[in-house]
N, C-alpha and C. Protein backbone atom coordinates (compact mmCIF):
# COMPACT_ATOMS: atom_id res chain seq x y z
N MET A 1 -25.90 -13.60 14.96
CA MET A 1 -24.81 -12.83 15.50
C MET A 1 -25.39 -11.66 16.28
N LYS A 2 -24.85 -11.42 17.45
CA LYS A 2 -25.30 -10.31 18.29
C LYS A 2 -24.55 -9.03 17.91
N LEU A 3 -25.29 -7.93 17.81
CA LEU A 3 -24.72 -6.64 17.46
C LEU A 3 -25.03 -5.62 18.54
N ALA A 4 -24.04 -4.83 18.93
CA ALA A 4 -24.25 -3.79 19.93
C ALA A 4 -24.87 -2.57 19.26
N VAL A 5 -25.99 -2.08 19.82
CA VAL A 5 -26.63 -0.87 19.29
C VAL A 5 -26.55 0.27 20.29
N GLY A 6 -26.10 -0.04 21.51
CA GLY A 6 -25.96 1.01 22.52
C GLY A 6 -25.26 0.49 23.75
N ARG A 7 -24.82 1.45 24.58
CA ARG A 7 -24.19 1.12 25.85
C ARG A 7 -24.80 2.04 26.90
N ILE A 8 -25.26 1.45 27.98
CA ILE A 8 -25.87 2.24 29.04
C ILE A 8 -24.78 3.03 29.76
N GLY A 9 -25.09 4.31 29.98
CA GLY A 9 -24.17 5.19 30.69
C GLY A 9 -24.65 5.44 32.11
N ARG A 10 -24.50 6.65 32.55
CA ARG A 10 -24.86 7.01 33.93
C ARG A 10 -26.38 7.12 34.09
N PRO A 11 -26.85 7.01 35.30
CA PRO A 11 -28.27 7.24 35.55
C PRO A 11 -28.61 8.71 35.32
N HIS A 12 -29.88 8.96 35.04
CA HIS A 12 -30.36 10.34 34.89
C HIS A 12 -31.56 10.51 35.80
N GLY A 13 -31.42 11.35 36.79
CA GLY A 13 -32.52 11.56 37.73
C GLY A 13 -32.62 10.45 38.75
N VAL A 14 -33.76 10.42 39.44
CA VAL A 14 -33.94 9.46 40.54
C VAL A 14 -34.96 8.37 40.23
N ARG A 15 -35.55 8.40 39.04
CA ARG A 15 -36.63 7.45 38.72
C ARG A 15 -36.18 6.29 37.83
N GLY A 16 -34.87 6.09 37.68
CA GLY A 16 -34.38 4.91 36.97
C GLY A 16 -34.04 5.11 35.51
N GLU A 17 -34.13 6.33 35.01
CA GLU A 17 -33.73 6.55 33.62
C GLU A 17 -32.22 6.40 33.49
N VAL A 18 -31.79 5.96 32.30
CA VAL A 18 -30.36 5.83 32.02
C VAL A 18 -30.02 6.60 30.75
N THR A 19 -28.78 7.08 30.69
CA THR A 19 -28.28 7.66 29.45
C THR A 19 -27.78 6.52 28.59
N VAL A 20 -27.78 6.73 27.27
CA VAL A 20 -27.34 5.69 26.35
C VAL A 20 -26.36 6.26 25.35
N GLU A 21 -25.22 5.60 25.21
CA GLU A 21 -24.29 5.90 24.13
C GLU A 21 -24.83 5.14 22.91
N VAL A 22 -25.30 5.88 21.92
CA VAL A 22 -25.92 5.27 20.75
C VAL A 22 -24.85 4.73 19.81
N LEU A 23 -24.97 3.45 19.43
CA LEU A 23 -24.02 2.80 18.53
C LEU A 23 -24.70 2.30 17.26
N THR A 24 -25.78 2.96 16.87
CA THR A 24 -26.52 2.57 15.68
C THR A 24 -26.85 3.83 14.88
N ASP A 25 -27.06 3.66 13.60
CA ASP A 25 -27.41 4.82 12.77
C ASP A 25 -28.91 5.05 12.72
N ASP A 26 -29.70 4.23 13.40
CA ASP A 26 -31.15 4.40 13.39
C ASP A 26 -31.71 4.29 14.82
N PRO A 27 -31.38 5.26 15.68
CA PRO A 27 -31.84 5.15 17.07
C PRO A 27 -33.36 5.15 17.22
N ALA A 28 -34.08 5.82 16.33
CA ALA A 28 -35.54 5.85 16.44
C ALA A 28 -36.13 4.45 16.31
N ALA A 29 -35.55 3.63 15.45
CA ALA A 29 -36.05 2.27 15.26
C ALA A 29 -35.56 1.33 16.35
N ARG A 30 -34.33 1.50 16.82
CA ARG A 30 -33.73 0.58 17.78
C ARG A 30 -34.19 0.80 19.21
N PHE A 31 -34.55 2.05 19.56
CA PHE A 31 -34.86 2.38 20.95
C PHE A 31 -36.28 2.89 21.11
N ARG A 32 -37.25 2.12 20.68
CA ARG A 32 -38.64 2.53 20.87
C ARG A 32 -39.27 1.63 21.94
N PRO A 33 -40.31 2.12 22.60
CA PRO A 33 -40.95 1.33 23.65
C PRO A 33 -41.35 -0.07 23.15
N GLY A 34 -41.07 -1.05 23.99
CA GLY A 34 -41.38 -2.44 23.67
C GLY A 34 -40.22 -3.23 23.10
N VAL A 35 -39.19 -2.55 22.62
CA VAL A 35 -38.02 -3.23 22.07
C VAL A 35 -37.24 -3.86 23.22
N SER A 36 -36.77 -5.09 23.00
CA SER A 36 -35.99 -5.75 24.04
C SER A 36 -34.56 -5.96 23.56
N PHE A 37 -33.65 -5.97 24.53
CA PHE A 37 -32.23 -6.16 24.26
C PHE A 37 -31.72 -7.32 25.09
N ALA A 38 -30.81 -8.08 24.50
CA ALA A 38 -30.08 -9.08 25.25
C ALA A 38 -28.91 -8.36 25.92
N THR A 39 -28.63 -8.70 27.18
CA THR A 39 -27.51 -8.10 27.90
C THR A 39 -26.93 -9.15 28.85
N ASP A 40 -25.77 -8.81 29.39
CA ASP A 40 -25.19 -9.69 30.42
C ASP A 40 -26.07 -9.71 31.67
N ALA A 41 -26.88 -8.66 31.85
CA ALA A 41 -27.77 -8.57 33.02
C ALA A 41 -29.13 -9.21 32.75
N GLY A 42 -29.28 -9.87 31.61
CA GLY A 42 -30.56 -10.46 31.23
C GLY A 42 -31.25 -9.57 30.21
N GLU A 43 -32.48 -9.89 29.90
CA GLU A 43 -33.22 -9.11 28.91
C GLU A 43 -33.68 -7.78 29.52
N LEU A 44 -33.50 -6.72 28.75
CA LEU A 44 -34.00 -5.40 29.14
C LEU A 44 -34.98 -4.94 28.09
N VAL A 45 -36.12 -4.38 28.55
CA VAL A 45 -37.17 -3.93 27.64
C VAL A 45 -37.36 -2.42 27.82
N VAL A 46 -37.41 -1.71 26.71
CA VAL A 46 -37.58 -0.26 26.73
C VAL A 46 -39.02 0.07 27.11
N ALA A 47 -39.17 0.89 28.15
CA ALA A 47 -40.50 1.35 28.57
C ALA A 47 -40.78 2.74 28.01
N GLY A 48 -39.74 3.53 27.85
CA GLY A 48 -39.91 4.89 27.33
C GLY A 48 -38.58 5.43 26.85
N THR A 49 -38.65 6.42 25.99
CA THR A 49 -37.45 7.01 25.42
C THR A 49 -37.66 8.50 25.21
N ARG A 50 -36.59 9.27 25.40
CA ARG A 50 -36.64 10.70 25.10
C ARG A 50 -35.22 11.21 24.97
N TRP A 51 -35.12 12.34 24.30
CA TRP A 51 -33.83 13.00 24.13
C TRP A 51 -33.77 14.19 25.08
N HIS A 52 -32.62 14.39 25.72
CA HIS A 52 -32.42 15.51 26.63
C HIS A 52 -31.04 16.09 26.35
N LYS A 53 -31.02 17.31 25.80
CA LYS A 53 -29.77 18.00 25.48
C LYS A 53 -28.86 17.14 24.61
N GLY A 54 -29.45 16.48 23.61
CA GLY A 54 -28.68 15.66 22.67
C GLY A 54 -28.29 14.29 23.19
N VAL A 55 -28.78 13.91 24.36
CA VAL A 55 -28.45 12.60 24.94
C VAL A 55 -29.72 11.76 24.98
N LEU A 56 -29.61 10.52 24.53
CA LEU A 56 -30.75 9.60 24.58
C LEU A 56 -30.92 9.10 26.00
N LEU A 57 -32.16 9.21 26.50
CA LEU A 57 -32.52 8.69 27.82
C LEU A 57 -33.53 7.57 27.64
N LEU A 58 -33.33 6.48 28.36
CA LEU A 58 -34.26 5.35 28.32
C LEU A 58 -34.80 5.08 29.71
N SER A 59 -36.08 4.75 29.75
CA SER A 59 -36.62 4.13 30.96
C SER A 59 -36.83 2.67 30.58
N LEU A 60 -36.48 1.79 31.48
CA LEU A 60 -36.52 0.36 31.22
C LEU A 60 -37.50 -0.31 32.17
N GLU A 61 -38.21 -1.30 31.67
CA GLU A 61 -39.16 -2.03 32.50
C GLU A 61 -38.44 -2.62 33.71
N GLY A 62 -39.00 -2.42 34.89
CA GLY A 62 -38.45 -2.97 36.11
C GLY A 62 -37.33 -2.16 36.73
N VAL A 63 -36.94 -1.06 36.10
CA VAL A 63 -35.88 -0.21 36.65
C VAL A 63 -36.54 1.09 37.08
N HIS A 64 -36.68 1.28 38.41
CA HIS A 64 -37.45 2.40 38.92
C HIS A 64 -36.68 3.32 39.87
N SER A 65 -35.38 3.03 40.07
CA SER A 65 -34.61 3.87 41.00
C SER A 65 -33.24 4.17 40.41
N ARG A 66 -32.63 5.19 40.95
CA ARG A 66 -31.28 5.57 40.53
C ARG A 66 -30.29 4.43 40.81
N ASP A 67 -30.45 3.75 41.95
CA ASP A 67 -29.55 2.66 42.30
C ASP A 67 -29.65 1.51 41.28
N GLN A 68 -30.89 1.17 40.89
CA GLN A 68 -31.06 0.11 39.88
C GLN A 68 -30.43 0.54 38.56
N ALA A 69 -30.60 1.81 38.18
CA ALA A 69 -30.02 2.31 36.94
C ALA A 69 -28.50 2.28 37.00
N GLU A 70 -27.94 2.62 38.16
CA GLU A 70 -26.47 2.63 38.32
C GLU A 70 -25.89 1.23 38.14
N GLU A 71 -26.61 0.20 38.58
CA GLU A 71 -26.15 -1.18 38.42
C GLU A 71 -26.03 -1.58 36.95
N LEU A 72 -26.73 -0.88 36.06
CA LEU A 72 -26.70 -1.21 34.63
C LEU A 72 -25.63 -0.45 33.86
N ARG A 73 -24.92 0.45 34.54
CA ARG A 73 -23.90 1.26 33.86
C ARG A 73 -22.92 0.36 33.10
N ASP A 74 -22.58 0.76 31.88
CA ASP A 74 -21.66 0.06 30.96
C ASP A 74 -22.24 -1.23 30.38
N THR A 75 -23.52 -1.50 30.59
CA THR A 75 -24.15 -2.66 29.98
C THR A 75 -24.34 -2.42 28.48
N MET A 76 -23.89 -3.37 27.69
CA MET A 76 -24.06 -3.28 26.23
C MET A 76 -25.47 -3.76 25.87
N LEU A 77 -26.13 -3.01 24.99
CA LEU A 77 -27.47 -3.36 24.51
C LEU A 77 -27.31 -4.05 23.16
N LEU A 78 -27.70 -5.32 23.11
CA LEU A 78 -27.45 -6.15 21.93
C LEU A 78 -28.75 -6.56 21.25
N ILE A 79 -28.69 -6.62 19.92
CA ILE A 79 -29.79 -7.18 19.14
C ILE A 79 -29.23 -8.30 18.28
N ASP A 80 -30.10 -9.13 17.77
CA ASP A 80 -29.68 -10.18 16.84
C ASP A 80 -29.60 -9.57 15.45
N SER A 81 -28.58 -9.91 14.69
CA SER A 81 -28.40 -9.34 13.35
C SER A 81 -29.58 -9.63 12.44
N SER A 82 -30.34 -10.68 12.73
CA SER A 82 -31.51 -11.00 11.90
C SER A 82 -32.61 -9.94 12.04
N GLN A 83 -32.51 -9.08 13.07
CA GLN A 83 -33.49 -8.01 13.27
C GLN A 83 -33.23 -6.82 12.34
N LEU A 84 -32.08 -6.77 11.70
CA LEU A 84 -31.77 -5.65 10.81
C LEU A 84 -32.45 -5.85 9.46
N PRO A 85 -33.05 -4.80 8.93
CA PRO A 85 -33.66 -4.93 7.61
C PRO A 85 -32.58 -5.03 6.54
N PRO A 86 -32.85 -5.75 5.46
CA PRO A 86 -31.87 -5.81 4.38
C PRO A 86 -31.74 -4.42 3.74
N THR A 87 -30.56 -4.13 3.22
CA THR A 87 -30.36 -2.84 2.56
C THR A 87 -30.85 -2.91 1.13
N ASP A 88 -31.34 -1.79 0.63
CA ASP A 88 -31.82 -1.72 -0.75
C ASP A 88 -30.68 -1.50 -1.73
N ASP A 89 -29.59 -0.93 -1.26
CA ASP A 89 -28.44 -0.61 -2.10
C ASP A 89 -27.54 -1.84 -2.21
N PRO A 90 -27.30 -2.35 -3.44
CA PRO A 90 -26.46 -3.53 -3.58
C PRO A 90 -25.00 -3.30 -3.20
N ASP A 91 -24.59 -2.03 -3.08
CA ASP A 91 -23.21 -1.72 -2.70
C ASP A 91 -23.09 -1.29 -1.24
N GLU A 92 -24.13 -1.55 -0.44
CA GLU A 92 -24.11 -1.19 0.98
C GLU A 92 -24.22 -2.47 1.78
N PHE A 93 -23.39 -2.57 2.82
CA PHE A 93 -23.35 -3.78 3.63
C PHE A 93 -23.29 -3.42 5.11
N HIS A 94 -23.85 -4.28 5.94
CA HIS A 94 -23.68 -4.16 7.39
C HIS A 94 -22.34 -4.79 7.73
N ASP A 95 -21.68 -4.27 8.76
CA ASP A 95 -20.37 -4.79 9.15
C ASP A 95 -20.40 -6.29 9.37
N HIS A 96 -21.44 -6.78 10.05
CA HIS A 96 -21.49 -8.22 10.37
C HIS A 96 -21.58 -9.08 9.12
N GLN A 97 -22.02 -8.52 7.99
CA GLN A 97 -22.06 -9.29 6.75
C GLN A 97 -20.67 -9.46 6.16
N LEU A 98 -19.79 -8.51 6.41
CA LEU A 98 -18.44 -8.54 5.85
C LEU A 98 -17.46 -9.34 6.70
N ILE A 99 -17.63 -9.28 8.01
CA ILE A 99 -16.71 -9.98 8.91
C ILE A 99 -16.84 -11.48 8.69
N GLY A 100 -15.69 -12.10 8.45
CA GLY A 100 -15.65 -13.55 8.20
C GLY A 100 -15.54 -13.91 6.72
N LEU A 101 -15.73 -12.93 5.82
CA LEU A 101 -15.60 -13.23 4.40
C LEU A 101 -14.15 -13.54 4.04
N THR A 102 -13.94 -14.49 3.15
CA THR A 102 -12.63 -14.81 2.62
C THR A 102 -12.24 -13.71 1.64
N VAL A 103 -11.00 -13.25 1.73
CA VAL A 103 -10.51 -12.18 0.86
C VAL A 103 -9.53 -12.78 -0.14
N VAL A 104 -9.81 -12.54 -1.44
CA VAL A 104 -8.92 -12.98 -2.52
C VAL A 104 -8.64 -11.80 -3.43
N THR A 105 -7.52 -11.87 -4.16
CA THR A 105 -7.21 -10.82 -5.14
C THR A 105 -7.98 -11.10 -6.42
N VAL A 106 -7.98 -10.14 -7.33
CA VAL A 106 -8.67 -10.33 -8.61
C VAL A 106 -8.07 -11.50 -9.39
N SER A 107 -6.81 -11.86 -9.12
CA SER A 107 -6.18 -13.00 -9.79
C SER A 107 -6.45 -14.31 -9.06
N GLY A 108 -7.21 -14.26 -7.95
CA GLY A 108 -7.59 -15.47 -7.23
C GLY A 108 -6.67 -15.87 -6.09
N GLU A 109 -5.65 -15.07 -5.80
CA GLU A 109 -4.71 -15.37 -4.71
C GLU A 109 -5.38 -15.11 -3.36
N LEU A 110 -5.28 -16.10 -2.46
CA LEU A 110 -5.87 -15.96 -1.13
C LEU A 110 -5.09 -14.92 -0.33
N VAL A 111 -5.81 -13.95 0.24
CA VAL A 111 -5.20 -12.90 1.06
C VAL A 111 -5.43 -13.19 2.54
N GLY A 112 -6.65 -13.53 2.90
CA GLY A 112 -6.99 -13.78 4.30
C GLY A 112 -8.48 -13.71 4.53
N GLU A 113 -8.86 -13.17 5.69
CA GLU A 113 -10.27 -13.09 6.08
C GLU A 113 -10.55 -11.73 6.71
N VAL A 114 -11.73 -11.18 6.42
CA VAL A 114 -12.12 -9.91 7.04
C VAL A 114 -12.35 -10.16 8.53
N ALA A 115 -11.55 -9.46 9.37
CA ALA A 115 -11.64 -9.63 10.81
C ALA A 115 -12.45 -8.52 11.47
N ASP A 116 -12.50 -7.35 10.82
CA ASP A 116 -13.20 -6.21 11.42
C ASP A 116 -13.41 -5.16 10.34
N VAL A 117 -14.30 -4.22 10.64
CA VAL A 117 -14.53 -3.06 9.78
C VAL A 117 -14.40 -1.84 10.67
N LEU A 118 -13.49 -0.94 10.30
CA LEU A 118 -13.26 0.27 11.07
C LEU A 118 -13.88 1.46 10.35
N HIS A 119 -14.40 2.40 11.11
CA HIS A 119 -15.04 3.58 10.54
C HIS A 119 -14.34 4.81 11.08
N HIS A 120 -13.30 5.23 10.41
CA HIS A 120 -12.52 6.40 10.84
C HIS A 120 -12.42 7.37 9.68
N GLY A 121 -13.50 8.01 9.32
CA GLY A 121 -13.51 8.89 8.16
C GLY A 121 -13.60 8.09 6.88
N GLN A 122 -12.83 7.06 6.78
CA GLN A 122 -12.81 6.14 5.63
C GLN A 122 -13.08 4.75 6.20
N ASP A 123 -14.00 4.02 5.60
CA ASP A 123 -14.24 2.65 6.05
C ASP A 123 -13.04 1.80 5.66
N LEU A 124 -12.52 1.06 6.63
CA LEU A 124 -11.36 0.19 6.39
C LEU A 124 -11.72 -1.24 6.76
N LEU A 125 -11.34 -2.16 5.88
CA LEU A 125 -11.48 -3.58 6.18
C LEU A 125 -10.18 -4.04 6.83
N VAL A 126 -10.29 -4.68 7.97
CA VAL A 126 -9.12 -5.27 8.62
C VAL A 126 -9.07 -6.71 8.14
N VAL A 127 -8.00 -7.03 7.38
CA VAL A 127 -7.87 -8.37 6.80
C VAL A 127 -6.81 -9.14 7.57
N ARG A 128 -7.24 -10.19 8.25
CA ARG A 128 -6.32 -11.07 9.00
C ARG A 128 -5.66 -12.00 7.99
N ARG A 129 -4.31 -12.04 8.03
CA ARG A 129 -3.57 -12.76 7.01
C ARG A 129 -2.76 -13.93 7.53
N GLY A 130 -3.22 -14.59 8.54
CA GLY A 130 -2.58 -15.82 9.02
C GLY A 130 -1.08 -15.78 9.15
N GLY A 131 -0.57 -15.34 10.29
CA GLY A 131 0.87 -15.33 10.52
C GLY A 131 1.55 -14.03 10.10
N GLN A 132 0.88 -13.21 9.33
CA GLN A 132 1.43 -11.92 8.92
C GLN A 132 0.65 -10.81 9.62
N GLU A 133 1.17 -9.59 9.52
CA GLU A 133 0.44 -8.46 10.08
C GLU A 133 -0.88 -8.28 9.33
N ASP A 134 -1.88 -7.79 10.06
CA ASP A 134 -3.16 -7.50 9.42
C ASP A 134 -2.96 -6.44 8.35
N ALA A 135 -3.77 -6.53 7.30
CA ALA A 135 -3.77 -5.52 6.24
C ALA A 135 -5.01 -4.66 6.41
N TYR A 136 -4.88 -3.38 6.10
CA TYR A 136 -6.00 -2.45 6.19
C TYR A 136 -6.33 -2.00 4.77
N VAL A 137 -7.51 -2.40 4.29
CA VAL A 137 -7.91 -2.13 2.91
C VAL A 137 -9.06 -1.13 2.92
N PRO A 138 -8.86 0.06 2.32
CA PRO A 138 -9.98 1.00 2.22
C PRO A 138 -11.15 0.34 1.48
N PHE A 139 -12.34 0.46 2.06
CA PHE A 139 -13.52 -0.19 1.48
C PHE A 139 -14.16 0.74 0.46
N VAL A 140 -13.52 0.79 -0.71
CA VAL A 140 -14.01 1.58 -1.84
C VAL A 140 -14.07 0.68 -3.06
N LYS A 141 -14.97 0.99 -3.99
CA LYS A 141 -15.22 0.15 -5.16
C LYS A 141 -13.95 -0.10 -5.98
N ALA A 142 -13.06 0.91 -6.07
CA ALA A 142 -11.84 0.76 -6.87
C ALA A 142 -10.93 -0.33 -6.30
N LEU A 143 -10.93 -0.50 -4.98
CA LEU A 143 -10.06 -1.50 -4.35
C LEU A 143 -10.79 -2.79 -3.99
N VAL A 144 -12.12 -2.70 -3.85
CA VAL A 144 -12.94 -3.88 -3.52
C VAL A 144 -14.05 -3.95 -4.58
N PRO A 145 -13.70 -4.48 -5.76
CA PRO A 145 -14.68 -4.48 -6.85
C PRO A 145 -15.83 -5.47 -6.69
N GLU A 146 -15.67 -6.46 -5.81
CA GLU A 146 -16.71 -7.48 -5.70
C GLU A 146 -16.87 -7.96 -4.27
N VAL A 147 -18.12 -8.01 -3.82
CA VAL A 147 -18.47 -8.61 -2.54
C VAL A 147 -19.57 -9.63 -2.85
N ASP A 148 -19.26 -10.89 -2.62
CA ASP A 148 -20.21 -11.97 -2.90
C ASP A 148 -20.57 -12.64 -1.58
N LEU A 149 -21.67 -12.17 -0.97
CA LEU A 149 -22.08 -12.70 0.32
C LEU A 149 -22.47 -14.16 0.23
N GLU A 150 -23.12 -14.54 -0.86
CA GLU A 150 -23.54 -15.94 -1.03
C GLU A 150 -22.35 -16.88 -1.03
N ALA A 151 -21.26 -16.49 -1.71
CA ALA A 151 -20.07 -17.33 -1.81
C ALA A 151 -19.14 -17.12 -0.61
N GLY A 152 -19.42 -16.10 0.23
CA GLY A 152 -18.58 -15.84 1.38
C GLY A 152 -17.21 -15.30 0.98
N ARG A 153 -17.21 -14.46 -0.08
CA ARG A 153 -15.94 -14.03 -0.66
C ARG A 153 -15.97 -12.54 -0.98
N LEU A 154 -14.83 -11.93 -0.81
CA LEU A 154 -14.64 -10.52 -1.13
C LEU A 154 -13.39 -10.42 -1.99
N VAL A 155 -13.49 -9.74 -3.12
CA VAL A 155 -12.36 -9.62 -4.05
C VAL A 155 -11.74 -8.24 -3.90
N VAL A 156 -10.39 -8.22 -3.78
CA VAL A 156 -9.67 -6.95 -3.71
C VAL A 156 -8.75 -6.80 -4.91
N ASP A 157 -8.58 -5.55 -5.32
CA ASP A 157 -7.65 -5.20 -6.41
C ASP A 157 -6.68 -4.18 -5.82
N PRO A 158 -5.71 -4.67 -5.02
CA PRO A 158 -4.85 -3.76 -4.27
C PRO A 158 -3.76 -3.13 -5.14
N PRO A 159 -3.48 -1.86 -4.89
CA PRO A 159 -2.33 -1.25 -5.56
C PRO A 159 -1.06 -1.86 -4.98
N GLU A 160 0.03 -1.74 -5.71
CA GLU A 160 1.31 -2.30 -5.26
C GLU A 160 1.67 -1.75 -3.88
N GLY A 161 2.05 -2.65 -2.98
CA GLY A 161 2.48 -2.25 -1.65
C GLY A 161 1.39 -2.28 -0.59
N LEU A 162 0.12 -2.34 -0.97
CA LEU A 162 -0.94 -2.33 0.03
C LEU A 162 -0.93 -3.58 0.92
N LEU A 163 -0.62 -4.70 0.34
CA LEU A 163 -0.66 -5.95 1.09
C LEU A 163 0.73 -6.44 1.51
N SER A 164 1.78 -5.65 1.25
CA SER A 164 3.12 -6.12 1.64
C SER A 164 3.57 -5.54 2.95
């Protein structure tokens, strides 16, 4: 599965550097020289990286002018999910691990499938319920007591009204 770790913004300067909207929690690991990204424009390889006034700047192999950098604006920088290290915490998951899991209640009733994970102060699971409106389940241990990646299943213990 491809995961977005950044989006190229405007060019910076005249030598082909680009600004990057960082979409990962570990920019030092994701944006170091030699790292390559899959993009709609083909493979891009990081030649150099630096921070300027809180903004990540990248120089990319083969991009040496402002015009070349401008052509890459809004390009999503993608990595394969297999490049992510496994987490040491058994209660921590990457979004891509949760998306697609079957959601059942503690009593075994089928609820639907995790369609997305939102991060708005509180992590929310978007549960697609086939023909009904999506349900939004806060991703906390009290409401999601079990995540079984091997079985492809997530168990919810919803309070009354959460799924209606």
